[in-house]
Amino acid sequence: MGKKSLVDMPIVFFTYNLEEYTAFDKSDSLFYNKQVAFLFRPCSNRNLFTTIKLFYKTKNELLDHVYIKNYVQKTEKVFYSDILFVEAGITSCKVYTRFGVYHASGSLPSFSKKLNKQFIKVHDKYMINQAQITSFNGTHILIENFKIPIQRVNSQNLKKIFANSSKM
C-alpha cells in the first residue's frame, strides 16, 4: 500500500478554545474539501463517530473507481465512467463495462455502496450508470446494445431525472 500524502488525510482539531477555531484560515482548500473538522472538548463519542463517518462518506464520493475481479479472478481497477450497468445474481453481481464483464462478490445493495451517485437502481436486479443511457421509454432503458427492464416504481424517478438533465 502506498503512502498517503498529508493533503489526502482528514484532520480533526480537538480544542477547548473557540479562539483557536476562529483563528483557523477557512479559505484553505482543505477546509472547503471537507477534510477538516473541529471538535470542542469535552467531546462526546457520538460527535467523534459522526465526524469519522463524514470523512468516510466524503472519501467514497471522491473516488472514481472500484476494484473488481475479472473472469480469471484477477483484481482490476474499473473506472465508474467505464461501467455500463450492474446485474444482480444469486451470490454475486455482474458488472458490465465497455471492455467486458466482471464478477463482484456480494449482493447488489452491498456492491452499490461502492459506487457513486451517478448509479441508480432501476430494477430489483439492475443498477445503471446514468451517463451511459442511450435511450429510455417507460418500460426499458437501452445502454449500448443492452435492453434493461425498469420497474414501474422507478419509471417515475427516471422521468424526473431525464426532465432535469434536459433543462441543463
N, C-alpha and C. Protein backbone atom coordinates (compact mmCIF):
# COMPACT_ATOMS: atom_id res chain seq x y z
N MET A 1 0.85 -1.18 0.00
CA MET A 1 0.00 0.00 0.00
C MET A 1 0.89 1.24 0.00
N GLY A 2 0.56 2.19 -0.85
CA GLY A 2 1.36 3.40 -0.97
C GLY A 2 1.14 4.34 0.19
N LYS A 3 2.07 5.30 0.29
CA LYS A 3 1.95 6.30 1.35
C LYS A 3 0.88 7.30 0.99
N LYS A 4 0.16 7.76 2.00
CA LYS A 4 -0.84 8.80 1.81
C LYS A 4 -0.16 10.15 2.01
N SER A 5 -0.50 11.11 1.16
CA SER A 5 0.03 12.44 1.39
C SER A 5 -0.80 13.10 2.49
N LEU A 6 -0.25 14.11 3.12
CA LEU A 6 -0.96 14.80 4.19
C LEU A 6 -2.21 15.49 3.68
N VAL A 7 -2.23 15.88 2.40
CA VAL A 7 -3.39 16.55 1.84
C VAL A 7 -4.58 15.60 1.78
N ASP A 8 -4.33 14.30 1.56
CA ASP A 8 -5.40 13.32 1.45
C ASP A 8 -5.97 12.89 2.79
N MET A 9 -5.25 13.18 3.87
CA MET A 9 -5.68 12.70 5.17
C MET A 9 -6.60 13.70 5.86
N PRO A 10 -7.69 13.21 6.43
CA PRO A 10 -8.57 14.11 7.18
C PRO A 10 -7.88 14.60 8.45
N ILE A 11 -8.23 15.80 8.87
CA ILE A 11 -7.63 16.39 10.07
C ILE A 11 -8.75 16.76 11.03
N VAL A 12 -8.60 16.34 12.28
CA VAL A 12 -9.57 16.68 13.32
C VAL A 12 -8.84 17.48 14.39
N PHE A 13 -9.34 18.67 14.67
CA PHE A 13 -8.79 19.51 15.73
C PHE A 13 -9.66 19.35 16.97
N PHE A 14 -9.02 19.01 18.08
CA PHE A 14 -9.69 18.98 19.37
C PHE A 14 -9.27 20.23 20.11
N THR A 15 -10.23 21.01 20.57
CA THR A 15 -9.87 22.26 21.21
C THR A 15 -10.84 22.57 22.36
N TYR A 16 -10.32 23.28 23.35
CA TYR A 16 -11.14 23.81 24.43
C TYR A 16 -11.55 25.25 24.11
N ASN A 17 -10.83 25.84 23.19
CA ASN A 17 -10.88 27.27 23.00
C ASN A 17 -11.52 27.62 21.65
N LEU A 18 -12.56 28.39 21.70
CA LEU A 18 -13.22 28.83 20.48
C LEU A 18 -12.31 29.74 19.64
N GLU A 19 -11.38 30.43 20.30
CA GLU A 19 -10.47 31.33 19.58
C GLU A 19 -9.59 30.55 18.60
N GLU A 20 -9.20 29.33 18.94
CA GLU A 20 -8.39 28.52 18.03
C GLU A 20 -9.17 28.22 16.76
N TYR A 21 -10.48 27.96 16.90
CA TYR A 21 -11.33 27.68 15.74
C TYR A 21 -11.46 28.91 14.85
N THR A 22 -11.69 30.07 15.46
CA THR A 22 -11.88 31.29 14.68
C THR A 22 -10.58 31.77 14.05
N ALA A 23 -9.43 31.40 14.62
CA ALA A 23 -8.14 31.81 14.06
C ALA A 23 -7.74 30.96 12.85
N PHE A 24 -8.38 29.82 12.66
CA PHE A 24 -8.05 28.93 11.55
C PHE A 24 -8.43 29.57 10.22
N ASP A 25 -7.56 29.47 9.24
CA ASP A 25 -7.80 30.05 7.91
C ASP A 25 -8.78 29.18 7.14
N LYS A 26 -10.04 29.59 7.12
CA LYS A 26 -11.09 28.80 6.47
C LYS A 26 -11.06 28.91 4.95
N SER A 27 -10.21 29.76 4.40
CA SER A 27 -10.10 29.86 2.94
C SER A 27 -9.17 28.78 2.39
N ASP A 28 -8.52 28.04 3.29
CA ASP A 28 -7.64 26.95 2.86
C ASP A 28 -8.46 25.88 2.13
N SER A 29 -7.89 25.31 1.07
CA SER A 29 -8.62 24.33 0.26
C SER A 29 -9.00 23.09 1.06
N LEU A 30 -8.23 22.74 2.08
CA LEU A 30 -8.58 21.58 2.90
C LEU A 30 -9.93 21.79 3.59
N PHE A 31 -10.16 23.01 4.04
CA PHE A 31 -11.40 23.30 4.76
C PHE A 31 -12.60 23.13 3.83
N TYR A 32 -12.48 23.61 2.61
CA TYR A 32 -13.60 23.52 1.67
C TYR A 32 -13.76 22.13 1.07
N ASN A 33 -12.75 21.28 1.15
CA ASN A 33 -12.87 19.91 0.68
C ASN A 33 -13.39 18.99 1.77
N LYS A 34 -13.86 19.55 2.87
CA LYS A 34 -14.46 18.80 3.98
C LYS A 34 -13.47 17.80 4.57
N GLN A 35 -12.21 18.15 4.60
CA GLN A 35 -11.20 17.27 5.17
C GLN A 35 -10.75 17.75 6.54
N VAL A 36 -11.41 18.78 7.08
CA VAL A 36 -11.05 19.33 8.38
C VAL A 36 -12.29 19.40 9.25
N ALA A 37 -12.14 19.02 10.50
CA ALA A 37 -13.25 19.13 11.45
C ALA A 37 -12.73 19.67 12.77
N PHE A 38 -13.58 20.39 13.48
CA PHE A 38 -13.26 20.89 14.80
C PHE A 38 -14.20 20.25 15.80
N LEU A 39 -13.64 19.66 16.83
CA LEU A 39 -14.44 19.10 17.91
C LEU A 39 -14.04 19.83 19.19
N PHE A 40 -15.04 20.33 19.89
CA PHE A 40 -14.79 21.08 21.10
C PHE A 40 -14.83 20.15 22.30
N ARG A 41 -13.83 20.30 23.17
CA ARG A 41 -13.71 19.47 24.35
C ARG A 41 -14.63 20.01 25.44
N PRO A 42 -15.26 19.21 26.22
CA PRO A 42 -15.27 17.75 26.13
C PRO A 42 -16.11 17.29 24.92
N CYS A 43 -15.66 16.24 24.31
CA CYS A 43 -16.28 15.73 23.08
C CYS A 43 -16.97 14.40 23.38
N SER A 44 -18.19 14.27 22.92
CA SER A 44 -18.90 13.01 23.13
C SER A 44 -18.48 11.98 22.09
N ASN A 45 -18.65 10.72 22.41
CA ASN A 45 -18.35 9.65 21.46
C ASN A 45 -19.20 9.80 20.20
N ARG A 46 -20.44 10.22 20.36
CA ARG A 46 -21.34 10.39 19.22
C ARG A 46 -20.78 11.42 18.23
N ASN A 47 -20.29 12.56 18.74
CA ASN A 47 -19.72 13.58 17.85
C ASN A 47 -18.48 13.06 17.13
N LEU A 48 -17.65 12.32 17.84
CA LEU A 48 -16.45 11.76 17.23
C LEU A 48 -16.80 10.77 16.13
N PHE A 49 -17.71 9.85 16.39
CA PHE A 49 -18.09 8.85 15.39
C PHE A 49 -18.80 9.49 14.19
N THR A 50 -19.61 10.52 14.44
CA THR A 50 -20.26 11.23 13.34
C THR A 50 -19.22 11.88 12.44
N THR A 51 -18.19 12.45 13.02
CA THR A 51 -17.11 13.07 12.25
C THR A 51 -16.36 12.03 11.42
N ILE A 52 -16.08 10.89 12.01
CA ILE A 52 -15.39 9.82 11.27
C ILE A 52 -16.24 9.34 10.10
N LYS A 53 -17.54 9.17 10.33
CA LYS A 53 -18.45 8.75 9.25
C LYS A 53 -18.47 9.78 8.13
N LEU A 54 -18.46 11.06 8.48
CA LEU A 54 -18.45 12.12 7.48
C LEU A 54 -17.21 12.01 6.59
N PHE A 55 -16.06 11.79 7.20
CA PHE A 55 -14.83 11.65 6.42
C PHE A 55 -14.89 10.42 5.52
N TYR A 56 -15.45 9.34 6.03
CA TYR A 56 -15.55 8.11 5.23
C TYR A 56 -16.44 8.33 4.02
N LYS A 57 -17.60 8.99 4.22
CA LYS A 57 -18.51 9.26 3.11
C LYS A 57 -17.86 10.21 2.10
N THR A 58 -17.19 11.24 2.58
CA THR A 58 -16.53 12.19 1.69
C THR A 58 -15.49 11.48 0.84
N LYS A 59 -14.72 10.60 1.43
CA LYS A 59 -13.69 9.88 0.70
C LYS A 59 -14.32 9.01 -0.40
N ASN A 60 -15.42 8.31 -0.10
CA ASN A 60 -16.08 7.48 -1.11
C ASN A 60 -16.63 8.32 -2.25
N GLU A 61 -17.13 9.51 -1.96
CA GLU A 61 -17.67 10.36 -3.02
C GLU A 61 -16.56 10.87 -3.93
N LEU A 62 -15.35 10.96 -3.44
CA LEU A 62 -14.24 11.45 -4.25
C LEU A 62 -13.63 10.37 -5.13
N LEU A 63 -13.91 9.10 -4.82
CA LEU A 63 -13.36 8.02 -5.63
C LEU A 63 -13.98 8.02 -7.02
N ASP A 64 -13.20 7.57 -8.01
CA ASP A 64 -13.71 7.49 -9.38
C ASP A 64 -13.57 6.07 -9.93
N HIS A 65 -13.36 5.12 -9.03
CA HIS A 65 -13.15 3.74 -9.48
C HIS A 65 -13.53 2.75 -8.38
N VAL A 66 -13.57 1.49 -8.78
CA VAL A 66 -13.82 0.39 -7.86
C VAL A 66 -12.92 -0.76 -8.30
N TYR A 67 -12.54 -1.62 -7.38
CA TYR A 67 -11.73 -2.79 -7.72
C TYR A 67 -12.64 -4.01 -7.82
N ILE A 68 -12.55 -4.72 -8.96
CA ILE A 68 -13.40 -5.88 -9.23
C ILE A 68 -12.56 -6.99 -9.83
N LYS A 69 -12.95 -8.24 -9.55
CA LYS A 69 -12.26 -9.39 -10.15
C LYS A 69 -12.77 -9.62 -11.56
N ASN A 70 -11.84 -9.93 -12.47
CA ASN A 70 -12.25 -10.26 -13.84
C ASN A 70 -12.49 -11.76 -13.96
N TYR A 71 -12.72 -12.24 -15.17
CA TYR A 71 -13.08 -13.65 -15.38
C TYR A 71 -11.99 -14.64 -14.99
N VAL A 72 -10.74 -14.20 -14.90
CA VAL A 72 -9.66 -15.09 -14.46
C VAL A 72 -9.27 -14.83 -13.00
N GLN A 73 -10.20 -14.20 -12.26
CA GLN A 73 -10.04 -13.93 -10.82
C GLN A 73 -8.89 -12.97 -10.51
N LYS A 74 -8.53 -12.13 -11.45
CA LYS A 74 -7.52 -11.10 -11.22
C LYS A 74 -8.24 -9.80 -10.89
N THR A 75 -7.85 -9.15 -9.80
CA THR A 75 -8.49 -7.91 -9.39
C THR A 75 -7.99 -6.76 -10.25
N GLU A 76 -8.94 -6.00 -10.79
CA GLU A 76 -8.60 -4.88 -11.66
C GLU A 76 -9.31 -3.61 -11.20
N LYS A 77 -8.70 -2.49 -11.51
CA LYS A 77 -9.30 -1.19 -11.23
C LYS A 77 -10.24 -0.85 -12.39
N VAL A 78 -11.51 -0.58 -12.07
CA VAL A 78 -12.51 -0.24 -13.09
C VAL A 78 -13.06 1.15 -12.76
N PHE A 79 -12.94 2.05 -13.71
CA PHE A 79 -13.44 3.41 -13.51
C PHE A 79 -14.95 3.45 -13.65
N TYR A 80 -15.60 4.28 -12.82
CA TYR A 80 -17.06 4.41 -12.88
C TYR A 80 -17.52 4.77 -14.30
N SER A 81 -16.76 5.61 -14.97
CA SER A 81 -17.16 6.06 -16.31
C SER A 81 -17.18 4.92 -17.32
N ASP A 82 -16.50 3.81 -17.03
CA ASP A 82 -16.48 2.66 -17.94
C ASP A 82 -17.59 1.66 -17.65
N ILE A 83 -18.22 1.77 -16.49
CA ILE A 83 -19.29 0.83 -16.11
C ILE A 83 -20.58 1.22 -16.81
N LEU A 84 -21.19 0.25 -17.49
CA LEU A 84 -22.48 0.47 -18.14
C LEU A 84 -23.62 0.24 -17.16
N PHE A 85 -23.64 -0.97 -16.56
CA PHE A 85 -24.65 -1.31 -15.57
C PHE A 85 -24.19 -2.50 -14.76
N VAL A 86 -24.93 -2.78 -13.68
CA VAL A 86 -24.64 -3.89 -12.78
C VAL A 86 -25.89 -4.76 -12.70
N GLU A 87 -25.70 -6.06 -12.85
CA GLU A 87 -26.80 -7.01 -12.78
C GLU A 87 -26.62 -7.91 -11.56
N ALA A 88 -27.67 -8.05 -10.76
CA ALA A 88 -27.62 -8.88 -9.56
C ALA A 88 -27.75 -10.34 -9.93
N GLY A 89 -26.94 -11.18 -9.30
CA GLY A 89 -27.05 -12.62 -9.43
C GLY A 89 -27.46 -13.21 -8.10
N ILE A 90 -27.33 -14.52 -7.97
CA ILE A 90 -27.73 -15.18 -6.73
C ILE A 90 -26.75 -14.86 -5.60
N THR A 91 -25.46 -15.02 -5.86
CA THR A 91 -24.46 -14.77 -4.82
C THR A 91 -23.48 -13.68 -5.19
N SER A 92 -23.59 -13.14 -6.39
CA SER A 92 -22.65 -12.11 -6.84
C SER A 92 -23.33 -11.18 -7.83
N CYS A 93 -22.60 -10.21 -8.31
CA CYS A 93 -23.11 -9.26 -9.30
C CYS A 93 -22.23 -9.34 -10.55
N LYS A 94 -22.85 -9.14 -11.69
CA LYS A 94 -22.11 -9.00 -12.93
C LYS A 94 -22.02 -7.51 -13.23
N VAL A 95 -20.81 -7.04 -13.46
CA VAL A 95 -20.58 -5.64 -13.76
C VAL A 95 -20.23 -5.54 -15.24
N TYR A 96 -21.12 -4.95 -16.02
CA TYR A 96 -20.91 -4.82 -17.46
C TYR A 96 -20.20 -3.50 -17.73
N THR A 97 -19.08 -3.58 -18.44
CA THR A 97 -18.32 -2.39 -18.80
C THR A 97 -18.14 -2.35 -20.31
N ARG A 98 -17.51 -1.29 -20.77
CA ARG A 98 -17.20 -1.17 -22.20
C ARG A 98 -16.23 -2.26 -22.66
N PHE A 99 -15.47 -2.80 -21.71
CA PHE A 99 -14.39 -3.72 -22.05
C PHE A 99 -14.68 -5.17 -21.72
N GLY A 100 -15.80 -5.45 -21.09
CA GLY A 100 -16.13 -6.82 -20.72
C GLY A 100 -16.98 -6.89 -19.48
N VAL A 101 -17.13 -8.11 -18.99
CA VAL A 101 -17.97 -8.37 -17.82
C VAL A 101 -17.08 -8.78 -16.65
N TYR A 102 -17.33 -8.21 -15.48
CA TYR A 102 -16.61 -8.54 -14.26
C TYR A 102 -17.59 -9.15 -13.28
N HIS A 103 -17.05 -9.91 -12.33
CA HIS A 103 -17.87 -10.52 -11.29
C HIS A 103 -17.47 -9.96 -9.94
N ALA A 104 -18.44 -9.39 -9.25
CA ALA A 104 -18.21 -8.83 -7.92
C ALA A 104 -18.96 -9.68 -6.90
N SER A 105 -18.28 -10.07 -5.85
CA SER A 105 -18.94 -10.89 -4.83
C SER A 105 -19.89 -10.02 -4.02
N GLY A 106 -20.94 -10.65 -3.52
CA GLY A 106 -21.91 -9.94 -2.69
C GLY A 106 -23.16 -9.55 -3.45
N SER A 107 -24.11 -9.03 -2.71
CA SER A 107 -25.40 -8.65 -3.26
C SER A 107 -25.32 -7.30 -3.97
N LEU A 108 -26.36 -6.97 -4.71
CA LEU A 108 -26.43 -5.67 -5.38
C LEU A 108 -26.43 -4.51 -4.37
N PRO A 109 -27.20 -4.59 -3.29
CA PRO A 109 -27.15 -3.49 -2.31
C PRO A 109 -25.76 -3.29 -1.70
N SER A 110 -25.04 -4.38 -1.43
CA SER A 110 -23.70 -4.21 -0.84
C SER A 110 -22.73 -3.65 -1.88
N PHE A 111 -22.84 -4.08 -3.13
CA PHE A 111 -21.95 -3.54 -4.17
C PHE A 111 -22.28 -2.08 -4.48
N SER A 112 -23.55 -1.73 -4.40
CA SER A 112 -23.95 -0.35 -4.71
C SER A 112 -23.32 0.66 -3.76
N LYS A 113 -22.95 0.24 -2.55
CA LYS A 113 -22.31 1.13 -1.58
C LYS A 113 -20.92 1.56 -2.05
N LYS A 114 -20.34 0.81 -2.97
CA LYS A 114 -19.02 1.14 -3.50
C LYS A 114 -19.09 2.13 -4.67
N LEU A 115 -20.29 2.38 -5.16
CA LEU A 115 -20.48 3.24 -6.32
C LEU A 115 -20.87 4.64 -5.90
N ASN A 116 -20.78 5.58 -6.86
CA ASN A 116 -21.16 6.96 -6.54
C ASN A 116 -22.60 7.25 -6.96
N LYS A 117 -23.00 8.51 -6.90
CA LYS A 117 -24.40 8.89 -7.10
C LYS A 117 -24.86 8.82 -8.55
N GLN A 118 -23.95 8.62 -9.50
CA GLN A 118 -24.39 8.54 -10.89
C GLN A 118 -25.03 7.18 -11.20
N PHE A 119 -24.95 6.24 -10.26
CA PHE A 119 -25.57 4.93 -10.43
C PHE A 119 -26.92 4.90 -9.73
N ILE A 120 -27.94 4.45 -10.44
CA ILE A 120 -29.27 4.39 -9.86
C ILE A 120 -29.88 3.02 -10.08
N LYS A 121 -30.68 2.61 -9.13
CA LYS A 121 -31.35 1.31 -9.21
C LYS A 121 -32.64 1.49 -10.01
N VAL A 122 -32.79 0.68 -11.06
CA VAL A 122 -33.98 0.78 -11.91
C VAL A 122 -34.85 -0.46 -11.82
N HIS A 123 -34.31 -1.50 -11.20
CA HIS A 123 -35.00 -2.78 -11.11
C HIS A 123 -34.39 -3.52 -9.93
N ASP A 124 -35.08 -4.53 -9.41
CA ASP A 124 -34.51 -5.33 -8.32
C ASP A 124 -33.17 -5.95 -8.72
N LYS A 125 -33.02 -6.22 -10.01
CA LYS A 125 -31.82 -6.89 -10.49
C LYS A 125 -30.81 -5.98 -11.17
N TYR A 126 -31.15 -4.69 -11.38
CA TYR A 126 -30.28 -3.83 -12.18
C TYR A 126 -30.03 -2.47 -11.54
N MET A 127 -28.78 -2.04 -11.68
CA MET A 127 -28.36 -0.69 -11.31
C MET A 127 -27.61 -0.15 -12.52
N ILE A 128 -27.95 1.06 -12.96
CA ILE A 128 -27.35 1.58 -14.18
C ILE A 128 -26.51 2.82 -13.92
N ASN A 129 -25.60 3.09 -14.85
CA ASN A 129 -24.82 4.31 -14.85
C ASN A 129 -25.60 5.31 -15.70
N GLN A 130 -26.09 6.39 -15.10
CA GLN A 130 -26.92 7.36 -15.81
C GLN A 130 -26.22 7.94 -17.03
N ALA A 131 -24.91 8.09 -16.95
CA ALA A 131 -24.16 8.70 -18.05
C ALA A 131 -24.10 7.80 -19.28
N GLN A 132 -24.44 6.53 -19.15
CA GLN A 132 -24.33 5.59 -20.26
C GLN A 132 -25.65 5.33 -20.98
N ILE A 133 -26.74 5.95 -20.56
CA ILE A 133 -28.05 5.68 -21.15
C ILE A 133 -28.09 6.17 -22.59
N THR A 134 -28.48 5.27 -23.50
CA THR A 134 -28.63 5.61 -24.90
C THR A 134 -30.04 6.10 -25.18
N SER A 135 -31.04 5.35 -24.70
CA SER A 135 -32.44 5.77 -24.86
C SER A 135 -33.27 5.20 -23.71
N PHE A 136 -34.50 5.71 -23.60
CA PHE A 136 -35.34 5.37 -22.47
C PHE A 136 -36.80 5.44 -22.90
N ASN A 137 -37.58 4.41 -22.54
CA ASN A 137 -39.04 4.50 -22.65
C ASN A 137 -39.61 4.07 -21.31
N GLY A 138 -40.88 3.96 -21.19
CA GLY A 138 -41.50 3.66 -19.89
C GLY A 138 -41.17 2.31 -19.30
N THR A 139 -40.73 1.36 -20.11
CA THR A 139 -40.50 0.00 -19.60
C THR A 139 -39.06 -0.48 -19.70
N HIS A 140 -38.24 0.16 -20.55
CA HIS A 140 -36.86 -0.29 -20.74
C HIS A 140 -35.90 0.88 -20.92
N ILE A 141 -34.65 0.60 -20.60
CA ILE A 141 -33.55 1.53 -20.88
C ILE A 141 -32.62 0.81 -21.83
N LEU A 142 -32.12 1.54 -22.80
CA LEU A 142 -31.14 0.97 -23.71
C LEU A 142 -29.79 1.58 -23.39
N ILE A 143 -28.82 0.72 -23.08
CA ILE A 143 -27.44 1.14 -22.86
C ILE A 143 -26.60 0.32 -23.83
N GLU A 144 -26.04 1.03 -24.80
CA GLU A 144 -25.37 0.38 -25.93
C GLU A 144 -26.32 -0.65 -26.53
N ASN A 145 -25.99 -1.94 -26.54
CA ASN A 145 -26.87 -2.95 -27.13
C ASN A 145 -27.68 -3.72 -26.08
N PHE A 146 -27.65 -3.26 -24.84
CA PHE A 146 -28.33 -3.95 -23.75
C PHE A 146 -29.67 -3.30 -23.46
N LYS A 147 -30.70 -4.12 -23.37
CA LYS A 147 -32.05 -3.66 -23.04
C LYS A 147 -32.32 -4.04 -21.59
N ILE A 148 -32.48 -3.03 -20.74
CA ILE A 148 -32.61 -3.25 -19.30
C ILE A 148 -34.02 -2.88 -18.86
N PRO A 149 -34.73 -3.81 -18.19
CA PRO A 149 -36.10 -3.52 -17.75
C PRO A 149 -36.13 -2.50 -16.61
N ILE A 150 -37.22 -1.76 -16.56
CA ILE A 150 -37.43 -0.77 -15.50
C ILE A 150 -38.68 -1.17 -14.72
N GLN A 151 -38.58 -1.15 -13.41
CA GLN A 151 -39.77 -1.38 -12.60
C GLN A 151 -40.64 -0.13 -12.63
N ARG A 152 -41.93 -0.32 -12.57
CA ARG A 152 -42.88 0.79 -12.65
C ARG A 152 -42.58 1.85 -11.59
N VAL A 153 -42.21 1.43 -10.40
CA VAL A 153 -41.90 2.35 -9.30
C VAL A 153 -40.75 3.28 -9.70
N ASN A 154 -39.73 2.73 -10.38
CA ASN A 154 -38.56 3.51 -10.74
C ASN A 154 -38.75 4.33 -12.01
N SER A 155 -39.77 4.03 -12.77
CA SER A 155 -40.03 4.73 -14.03
C SER A 155 -40.26 6.23 -13.80
N GLN A 156 -41.03 6.57 -12.79
CA GLN A 156 -41.31 7.98 -12.50
C GLN A 156 -40.04 8.73 -12.09
N ASN A 157 -39.19 8.08 -11.27
CA ASN A 157 -37.93 8.70 -10.87
C ASN A 157 -37.03 8.96 -12.08
N LEU A 158 -36.99 8.02 -13.01
CA LEU A 158 -36.18 8.20 -14.21
C LEU A 158 -36.70 9.34 -15.07
N LYS A 159 -38.01 9.46 -15.18
CA LYS A 159 -38.58 10.57 -15.95
C LYS A 159 -38.18 11.90 -15.34
N LYS A 160 -38.17 12.00 -14.03
CA LYS A 160 -37.73 13.24 -13.36
C LYS A 160 -36.27 13.53 -13.64
N ILE A 161 -35.43 12.50 -13.59
CA ILE A 161 -34.01 12.66 -13.87
C ILE A 161 -33.79 13.16 -15.29
N PHE A 162 -34.49 12.56 -16.25
CA PHE A 162 -34.37 12.98 -17.63
C PHE A 162 -34.90 14.40 -17.84
N ALA A 163 -35.98 14.74 -17.17
CA ALA A 163 -36.53 16.09 -17.30
C ALA A 163 -35.54 17.12 -16.76
N ASN A 164 -34.90 16.82 -15.62
CA ASN A 164 -33.92 17.74 -15.03
C ASN A 164 -32.67 17.85 -15.89
N SER A 165 -32.22 16.74 -16.47
CA SER A 165 -31.00 16.78 -17.28
C SER A 165 -31.24 17.49 -18.61
N SER A 166 -32.45 17.45 -19.14
CA SER A 166 -32.72 18.12 -20.41
C SER A 166 -32.83 19.64 -20.23
N LYS A 167 -33.09 20.10 -19.01
CA LYS A 167 -33.14 21.54 -18.73
C LYS A 167 -31.77 22.18 -18.66
N MET A 168 -30.74 21.36 -18.43
CA MET A 168 -29.38 21.88 -18.29
C MET A 168 -28.77 22.22 -19.61
